């Protein structure tokens, strides 16, 4: 699977130590300016709030036919809904 380029953060923001509200406010911090895509797999090491995956999905989905996510672990009591 090729690596895509064009995904970036509007601001470099650390999520460590942030509460759910702060993390959710970061969802709109991602932007995609690359070429149209067919299939995308977002890979994340650990899901805590889901904000990273949601933000990346929101930025890429208008440019892709299919977007899926894979995570390797979920933090106990994660905020995901």
PDB file of N, CA and C in Angstrom:
ATOM      1  N   UNK A   1       0.848  -1.173   0.000  1.00  0.00           N
ATOM      2  CA  UNK A   1       0.000   0.000   0.000  1.00  0.00           C
ATOM      3  C   UNK A   1       0.895   1.238   0.000  1.00  0.00           C
ATOM      4  N   UNK A   2       0.692   2.147  -0.941  1.00  0.00           N
ATOM      5  CA  UNK A   2       1.531   3.349  -0.979  1.00  0.00           C
ATOM      6  C   UNK A   2       1.201   4.313   0.153  1.00  0.00           C
ATOM      7  N   UNK A   3       2.178   5.104   0.508  1.00  0.00           N
ATOM      8  CA  UNK A   3       1.981   6.163   1.510  1.00  0.00           C
ATOM      9  C   UNK A   3       1.494   7.397   0.772  1.00  0.00           C
ATOM     10  N   UNK A   4       0.491   8.068   1.315  1.00  0.00           N
ATOM     11  CA  UNK A   4      -0.015   9.273   0.660  1.00  0.00           C
ATOM     12  C   UNK A   4       0.644  10.519   1.247  1.00  0.00           C
ATOM     13  N   UNK A   5       0.747  11.509   0.405  1.00  0.00           N
ATOM     14  CA  UNK A   5       1.296  12.792   0.820  1.00  0.00           C
ATOM     15  C   UNK A   5       0.220  13.850   0.624  1.00  0.00           C
ATOM     16  N   UNK A   6       0.270  14.886   1.413  1.00  0.00           N
ATOM     17  CA  UNK A   6      -0.710  15.960   1.290  1.00  0.00           C
ATOM     18  C   UNK A   6      -1.555  16.117   2.533  1.00  0.00           C
ATOM     19  N   UNK A   7      -1.417  15.191   3.487  1.00  0.00           N
ATOM     20  CA  UNK A   7      -2.144  15.308   4.746  1.00  0.00           C
ATOM     21  C   UNK A   7      -1.276  16.080   5.724  1.00  0.00           C
ATOM     22  N   UNK A   8      -1.848  17.080   6.355  1.00  0.00           N
ATOM     23  CA  UNK A   8      -1.073  17.861   7.320  1.00  0.00           C
ATOM     24  C   UNK A   8      -1.981  18.385   8.421  1.00  0.00           C
ATOM     25  N   UNK A   9      -1.336  18.860   9.466  1.00  0.00           N
ATOM     26  CA  UNK A   9      -2.050  19.488  10.572  1.00  0.00           C
ATOM     27  C   UNK A   9      -1.957  20.998  10.377  1.00  0.00           C
ATOM     28  N   UNK A  10      -3.049  21.691  10.612  1.00  0.00           N
ATOM     29  CA  UNK A  10      -3.040  23.148  10.508  1.00  0.00           C
ATOM     30  C   UNK A  10      -2.146  23.746  11.584  1.00  0.00           C
ATOM     31  N   UNK A  11      -2.187  23.146  12.761  1.00  0.00           N
ATOM     32  CA  UNK A  11      -1.340  23.542  13.888  1.00  0.00           C
ATOM     33  C   UNK A  11      -0.777  22.277  14.501  1.00  0.00           C
ATOM     34  N   UNK A  12       0.454  22.315  14.930  1.00  0.00           N
ATOM     35  CA  UNK A  12       1.061  21.167  15.607  1.00  0.00           C
ATOM     36  C   UNK A  12       0.594  21.190  17.064  1.00  0.00           C
ATOM     37  N   UNK A  13      -0.312  20.299  17.413  1.00  0.00           N
ATOM     38  CA  UNK A  13      -0.896  20.259  18.755  1.00  0.00           C
ATOM     39  C   UNK A  13      -0.672  18.893  19.390  1.00  0.00           C
ATOM     40  N   UNK A  14      -0.170  18.870  20.589  1.00  0.00           N
ATOM     41  CA  UNK A  14       0.009  17.617  21.323  1.00  0.00           C
ATOM     42  C   UNK A  14      -1.306  17.217  21.973  1.00  0.00           C
ATOM     43  N   UNK A  15      -1.644  15.929  21.911  1.00  0.00           N
ATOM     44  CA  UNK A  15      -2.874  15.445  22.533  1.00  0.00           C
ATOM     45  C   UNK A  15      -2.626  14.879  23.922  1.00  0.00           C
ATOM     46  N   UNK A  16      -1.387  14.583  24.224  1.00  0.00           N
ATOM     47  CA  UNK A  16      -1.062  13.992  25.517  1.00  0.00           C
ATOM     48  C   UNK A  16      -1.520  14.897  26.655  1.00  0.00           C
ATOM     49  N   UNK A  17      -2.236  14.315  27.607  1.00  0.00           N
ATOM     50  CA  UNK A  17      -2.695  15.058  28.778  1.00  0.00           C
ATOM     51  C   UNK A  17      -3.953  15.879  28.550  1.00  0.00           C
ATOM     52  N   UNK A  18      -4.504  15.858  27.333  1.00  0.00           N
ATOM     53  CA  UNK A  18      -5.714  16.630  27.033  1.00  0.00           C
ATOM     54  C   UNK A  18      -6.955  15.847  27.441  1.00  0.00           C
ATOM     55  N   UNK A  19      -8.001  16.571  27.839  1.00  0.00           N
ATOM     56  CA  UNK A  19      -9.261  15.919  28.170  1.00  0.00           C
ATOM     57  C   UNK A  19     -10.082  15.706  26.897  1.00  0.00           C
ATOM     58  N   UNK A  20     -11.224  15.059  27.020  1.00  0.00           N
ATOM     59  CA  UNK A  20     -12.054  14.725  25.868  1.00  0.00           C
ATOM     60  C   UNK A  20     -12.462  15.962  25.083  1.00  0.00           C
ATOM     61  N   UNK A  21     -12.874  16.995  25.758  1.00  0.00           N
ATOM     62  CA  UNK A  21     -13.311  18.219  25.086  1.00  0.00           C
ATOM     63  C   UNK A  21     -12.170  18.837  24.273  1.00  0.00           C
ATOM     64  N   UNK A  22     -10.987  18.903  24.862  1.00  0.00           N
ATOM     65  CA  UNK A  22      -9.830  19.458  24.152  1.00  0.00           C
ATOM     66  C   UNK A  22      -9.480  18.614  22.936  1.00  0.00           C
ATOM     67  N   UNK A  23      -9.532  17.289  23.079  1.00  0.00           N
ATOM     68  CA  UNK A  23      -9.202  16.396  21.969  1.00  0.00           C
ATOM     69  C   UNK A  23     -10.224  16.530  20.843  1.00  0.00           C
ATOM     70  N   UNK A  24     -11.490  16.626  21.196  1.00  0.00           N
ATOM     71  CA  UNK A  24     -12.527  16.761  20.161  1.00  0.00           C
ATOM     72  C   UNK A  24     -12.380  18.066  19.389  1.00  0.00           C
ATOM     73  N   UNK A  25     -11.890  19.109  20.046  1.00  0.00           N
ATOM     74  CA  UNK A  25     -11.710  20.387  19.350  1.00  0.00           C
ATOM     75  C   UNK A  25     -10.586  20.311  18.322  1.00  0.00           C
ATOM     76  N   UNK A  26      -9.765  19.273  18.379  1.00  0.00           N
ATOM     77  CA  UNK A  26      -8.652  19.105  17.444  1.00  0.00           C
ATOM     78  C   UNK A  26      -9.060  18.385  16.154  1.00  0.00           C
ATOM     79  N   UNK A  27     -10.288  17.895  16.065  1.00  0.00           N
ATOM     80  CA  UNK A  27     -10.724  17.128  14.901  1.00  0.00           C
ATOM     81  C   UNK A  27     -10.588  17.937  13.617  1.00  0.00           C
ATOM     82  N   UNK A  28     -10.879  19.211  13.653  1.00  0.00           N
ATOM     83  CA  UNK A  28     -10.797  20.045  12.447  1.00  0.00           C
ATOM     84  C   UNK A  28      -9.390  20.568  12.179  1.00  0.00           C
ATOM     85  N   UNK A  29      -8.400  20.021  12.839  1.00  0.00           N
ATOM     86  CA  UNK A  29      -7.020  20.475  12.700  1.00  0.00           C
ATOM     87  C   UNK A  29      -6.278  19.812  11.529  1.00  0.00           C
ATOM     88  N   UNK A  30      -6.933  18.917  10.805  1.00  0.00           N
ATOM     89  CA  UNK A  30      -6.283  18.202   9.708  1.00  0.00           C
ATOM     90  C   UNK A  30      -6.765  18.719   8.361  1.00  0.00           C
ATOM     91  N   UNK A  31      -5.876  18.700   7.385  1.00  0.00           N
ATOM     92  CA  UNK A  31      -6.222  19.127   6.033  1.00  0.00           C
ATOM     93  C   UNK A  31      -5.525  18.210   5.022  1.00  0.00           C
ATOM     94  N   UNK A  32      -6.155  18.007   3.889  1.00  0.00           N
ATOM     95  CA  UNK A  32      -5.571  17.184   2.824  1.00  0.00           C
ATOM     96  C   UNK A  32      -5.544  17.993   1.540  1.00  0.00           C
ATOM     97  N   UNK A  33      -4.389  18.067   0.905  1.00  0.00           N
ATOM     98  CA  UNK A  33      -4.251  18.845  -0.326  1.00  0.00           C
ATOM     99  C   UNK A  33      -3.637  18.030  -1.458  1.00  0.00           C
ATOM    100  N   UNK A  34      -3.722  16.728  -1.350  1.00  0.00           N
ATOM    101  CA  UNK A  34      -3.130  15.850  -2.364  1.00  0.00           C
ATOM    102  C   UNK A  34      -4.104  15.514  -3.481  1.00  0.00           C
ATOM    103  N   UNK A  35      -3.694  14.536  -4.283  1.00  0.00           N
ATOM    104  CA  UNK A  35      -4.502  14.102  -5.426  1.00  0.00           C
ATOM    105  C   UNK A  35      -5.671  13.232  -4.951  1.00  0.00           C
ATOM    106  N   UNK A  36      -6.693  13.021  -5.813  1.00  0.00           N
ATOM    107  CA  UNK A  36      -7.796  12.128  -5.461  1.00  0.00           C
ATOM    108  C   UNK A  36      -7.279  10.716  -5.182  1.00  0.00           C
ATOM    109  N   UNK A  37      -7.954  10.033  -4.286  1.00  0.00           N
ATOM    110  CA  UNK A  37      -7.519   8.715  -3.837  1.00  0.00           C
ATOM    111  C   UNK A  37      -8.617   7.688  -4.069  1.00  0.00           C
ATOM    112  N   UNK A  38      -8.220   6.437  -4.230  1.00  0.00           N
ATOM    113  CA  UNK A  38      -9.188   5.363  -4.378  1.00  0.00           C
ATOM    114  C   UNK A  38      -9.509   4.771  -3.007  1.00  0.00           C
ATOM    115  N   UNK A  39      -8.559   4.059  -2.416  1.00  0.00           N
ATOM    116  CA  UNK A  39      -8.747   3.437  -1.113  1.00  0.00           C
ATOM    117  C   UNK A  39      -7.691   3.953  -0.145  1.00  0.00           C
ATOM    118  N   UNK A  40      -8.110   4.238   1.083  1.00  0.00           N
ATOM    119  CA  UNK A  40      -7.192   4.738   2.107  1.00  0.00           C
ATOM    120  C   UNK A  40      -7.364   3.904   3.367  1.00  0.00           C
ATOM    121  N   UNK A  41      -6.245   3.524   3.980  1.00  0.00           N
ATOM    122  CA  UNK A  41      -6.253   2.855   5.269  1.00  0.00           C
ATOM    123  C   UNK A  41      -5.505   3.746   6.247  1.00  0.00           C
ATOM    124  N   UNK A  42      -6.200   4.245   7.256  1.00  0.00           N
ATOM    125  CA  UNK A  42      -5.594   5.062   8.304  1.00  0.00           C
ATOM    126  C   UNK A  42      -5.123   4.096   9.388  1.00  0.00           C
ATOM    127  N   UNK A  43      -3.853   4.178   9.764  1.00  0.00           N
ATOM    128  CA  UNK A  43      -3.301   3.302  10.792  1.00  0.00           C
ATOM    129  C   UNK A  43      -2.884   4.157  11.979  1.00  0.00           C
ATOM    130  N   UNK A  44      -3.361   3.778  13.163  1.00  0.00           N
ATOM    131  CA  UNK A  44      -3.036   4.497  14.396  1.00  0.00           C
ATOM    132  C   UNK A  44      -2.590   3.472  15.429  1.00  0.00           C
ATOM    133  N   UNK A  45      -1.602   3.819  16.234  1.00  0.00           N
ATOM    134  CA  UNK A  45      -1.090   2.851  17.204  1.00  0.00           C
ATOM    135  C   UNK A  45      -2.075   2.622  18.349  1.00  0.00           C
ATOM    136  N   UNK A  46      -2.597   3.678  18.950  1.00  0.00           N
ATOM    137  CA  UNK A  46      -3.508   3.548  20.093  1.00  0.00           C
ATOM    138  C   UNK A  46      -4.664   4.535  19.944  1.00  0.00           C
ATOM    139  N   UNK A  47      -5.882   4.058  20.121  1.00  0.00           N
ATOM    140  CA  UNK A  47      -7.046   4.958  20.142  1.00  0.00           C
ATOM    141  C   UNK A  47      -7.333   5.326  21.583  1.00  0.00           C
ATOM    142  N   UNK A  48      -7.387   6.616  21.831  1.00  0.00           N
ATOM    143  CA  UNK A  48      -7.774   7.111  23.156  1.00  0.00           C
ATOM    144  C   UNK A  48      -9.146   7.767  23.045  1.00  0.00           C
ATOM    145  N   UNK A  49      -9.217   8.828  22.267  1.00  0.00           N
ATOM    146  CA  UNK A  49     -10.495   9.522  22.085  1.00  0.00           C
ATOM    147  C   UNK A  49     -11.072   9.283  20.699  1.00  0.00           C
ATOM    148  N   UNK A  50     -10.249   8.856  19.766  1.00  0.00           N
ATOM    149  CA  UNK A  50     -10.684   8.688  18.380  1.00  0.00           C
ATOM    150  C   UNK A  50     -10.560   9.969  17.569  1.00  0.00           C
ATOM    151  N   UNK A  51     -10.107  11.053  18.190  1.00  0.00           N
ATOM    152  CA  UNK A  51     -10.044  12.351  17.520  1.00  0.00           C
ATOM    153  C   UNK A  51      -9.074  12.367  16.342  1.00  0.00           C
ATOM    154  N   UNK A  52      -7.941  11.712  16.462  1.00  0.00           N
ATOM    155  CA  UNK A  52      -6.975  11.691  15.344  1.00  0.00           C
ATOM    156  C   UNK A  52      -7.582  11.002  14.135  1.00  0.00           C
ATOM    157  N   UNK A  53      -8.140   9.831  14.342  1.00  0.00           N
ATOM    158  CA  UNK A  53      -8.737   9.094  13.223  1.00  0.00           C
ATOM    159  C   UNK A  53      -9.922   9.858  12.643  1.00  0.00           C
ATOM    160  N   UNK A  54     -10.759  10.414  13.496  1.00  0.00           N
ATOM    161  CA  UNK A  54     -11.915  11.182  13.002  1.00  0.00           C
ATOM    162  C   UNK A  54     -11.470  12.404  12.200  1.00  0.00           C
ATOM    163  N   UNK A  55     -10.450  13.105  12.688  1.00  0.00           N
ATOM    164  CA  UNK A  55      -9.960  14.285  11.980  1.00  0.00           C
ATOM    165  C   UNK A  55      -9.351  13.951  10.636  1.00  0.00           C
ATOM    166  N   UNK A  56      -8.539  12.899  10.606  1.00  0.00           N
ATOM    167  CA  UNK A  56      -7.925  12.472   9.352  1.00  0.00           C
ATOM    168  C   UNK A  56      -8.994  11.991   8.374  1.00  0.00           C
ATOM    169  N   UNK A  57      -9.946  11.220   8.866  1.00  0.00           N
ATOM    170  CA  UNK A  57     -11.060  10.746   8.021  1.00  0.00           C
ATOM    171  C   UNK A  57     -11.805  11.933   7.417  1.00  0.00           C
ATOM    172  N   UNK A  58     -12.133  12.893   8.238  1.00  0.00           N
ATOM    173  CA  UNK A  58     -12.891  14.064   7.783  1.00  0.00           C
ATOM    174  C   UNK A  58     -12.128  14.837   6.699  1.00  0.00           C
ATOM    175  N   UNK A  59     -10.796  14.908   6.831  1.00  0.00           N
ATOM    176  CA  UNK A  59      -9.986  15.624   5.851  1.00  0.00           C
ATOM    177  C   UNK A  59      -9.845  14.846   4.544  1.00  0.00           C
ATOM    178  N   UNK A  60      -9.743  13.524   4.617  1.00  0.00           N
ATOM    179  CA  UNK A  60      -9.476  12.707   3.435  1.00  0.00           C
ATOM    180  C   UNK A  60     -10.738  12.271   2.697  1.00  0.00           C
ATOM    181  N   UNK A  61     -11.812  11.999   3.393  1.00  0.00           N
ATOM    182  CA  UNK A  61     -13.012  11.410   2.788  1.00  0.00           C
ATOM    183  C   UNK A  61     -13.514  12.148   1.543  1.00  0.00           C
ATOM    184  N   UNK A  62     -13.521  13.473   1.491  1.00  0.00           N
ATOM    185  CA  UNK A  62     -13.979  14.134   0.261  1.00  0.00           C
ATOM    186  C   UNK A  62     -13.105  13.840  -0.963  1.00  0.00           C
ATOM    187  N   UNK A  63     -11.916  13.282  -0.763  1.00  0.00           N
ATOM    188  CA  UNK A  63     -10.972  13.023  -1.837  1.00  0.00           C
ATOM    189  C   UNK A  63     -10.769  11.532  -2.094  1.00  0.00           C
ATOM    190  N   UNK A  64     -11.520  10.669  -1.412  1.00  0.00           N
ATOM    191  CA  UNK A  64     -11.297   9.222  -1.524  1.00  0.00           C
ATOM    192  C   UNK A  64     -12.614   8.465  -1.679  1.00  0.00           C
ATOM    193  N   UNK A  65     -12.542   7.358  -2.403  1.00  0.00           N
ATOM    194  CA  UNK A  65     -13.727   6.503  -2.579  1.00  0.00           C
ATOM    195  C   UNK A  65     -14.016   5.697  -1.321  1.00  0.00           C
ATOM    196  N   UNK A  66     -12.955   5.221  -0.671  1.00  0.00           N
ATOM    197  CA  UNK A  66     -13.112   4.354   0.491  1.00  0.00           C
ATOM    198  C   UNK A  66     -12.055   4.706   1.537  1.00  0.00           C
ATOM    199  N   UNK A  67     -12.483   4.901   2.779  1.00  0.00           N
ATOM    200  CA  UNK A  67     -11.557   5.197   3.871  1.00  0.00           C
ATOM    201  C   UNK A  67     -11.859   4.247   5.022  1.00  0.00           C
ATOM    202  N   UNK A  68     -10.840   3.530   5.465  1.00  0.00           N
ATOM    203  CA  UNK A  68     -10.954   2.599   6.600  1.00  0.00           C
ATOM    204  C   UNK A  68      -9.895   2.957   7.624  1.00  0.00           C
ATOM    205  N   UNK A  69     -10.083   2.489   8.850  1.00  0.00           N
ATOM    206  CA  UNK A  69      -9.101   2.741   9.911  1.00  0.00           C
ATOM    207  C   UNK A  69      -8.735   1.428  10.592  1.00  0.00           C
ATOM    208  N   UNK A  70      -7.477   1.352  10.998  1.00  0.00           N
ATOM    209  CA  UNK A  70      -6.954   0.198  11.722  1.00  0.00           C
ATOM    210  C   UNK A  70      -6.173   0.734  12.908  1.00  0.00           C
ATOM    211  N   UNK A  71      -6.428   0.174  14.065  1.00  0.00           N
ATOM    212  CA  UNK A  71      -5.665   0.559  15.244  1.00  0.00           C
ATOM    213  C   UNK A  71      -5.121  -0.692  15.906  1.00  0.00           C
ATOM    214  N   UNK A  72      -3.995  -0.542  16.559  1.00  0.00           N
ATOM    215  CA  UNK A  72      -3.339  -1.687  17.178  1.00  0.00           C
ATOM    216  C   UNK A  72      -3.779  -1.908  18.617  1.00  0.00           C
ATOM    217  N   UNK A  73      -4.245  -0.855  19.277  1.00  0.00           N
ATOM    218  CA  UNK A  73      -4.676  -0.976  20.668  1.00  0.00           C
ATOM    219  C   UNK A  73      -5.689   0.109  20.984  1.00  0.00           C
ATOM    220  N   UNK A  74      -6.472  -0.141  22.021  1.00  0.00           N
ATOM    221  CA  UNK A  74      -7.443   0.837  22.496  1.00  0.00           C
ATOM    222  C   UNK A  74      -7.191   1.049  23.975  1.00  0.00           C
ATOM    223  N   UNK A  75      -7.096   2.290  24.361  1.00  0.00           N
ATOM    224  CA  UNK A  75      -6.893   2.590  25.772  1.00  0.00           C
ATOM    225  C   UNK A  75      -8.136   2.175  26.552  1.00  0.00           C
ATOM    226  N   UNK A  76      -7.923   1.552  27.709  1.00  0.00           N
ATOM    227  CA  UNK A  76      -9.050   1.184  28.542  1.00  0.00           C
ATOM    228  C   UNK A  76      -9.829   2.436  28.894  1.00  0.00           C
ATOM    229  N   UNK A  77     -11.142   2.350  28.855  1.00  0.00           N
ATOM    230  CA  UNK A  77     -12.030   3.493  29.089  1.00  0.00           C
ATOM    231  C   UNK A  77     -11.851   4.579  28.027  1.00  0.00           C
ATOM    232  N   UNK A  78     -11.557   4.178  26.800  1.00  0.00           N
ATOM    233  CA  UNK A  78     -11.414   5.149  25.709  1.00  0.00           C
ATOM    234  C   UNK A  78     -12.706   5.922  25.521  1.00  0.00           C
ATOM    235  N   UNK A  79     -12.596   7.107  24.965  1.00  0.00           N
ATOM    236  CA  UNK A  79     -13.721   8.014  24.805  1.00  0.00           C
ATOM    237  C   UNK A  79     -14.531   7.761  23.540  1.00  0.00           C
ATOM    238  N   UNK A  80     -14.193   6.763  22.759  1.00  0.00           N
ATOM    239  CA  UNK A  80     -14.783   6.537  21.441  1.00  0.00           C
ATOM    240  C   UNK A  80     -16.290   6.367  21.526  1.00  0.00           C
ATOM    241  N   UNK A  81     -16.966   7.005  20.576  1.00  0.00           N
ATOM    242  CA  UNK A  81     -18.426   6.856  20.443  1.00  0.00           C
ATOM    243  C   UNK A  81     -18.756   6.664  18.993  1.00  0.00           C
TER     244      UNK A  81
END
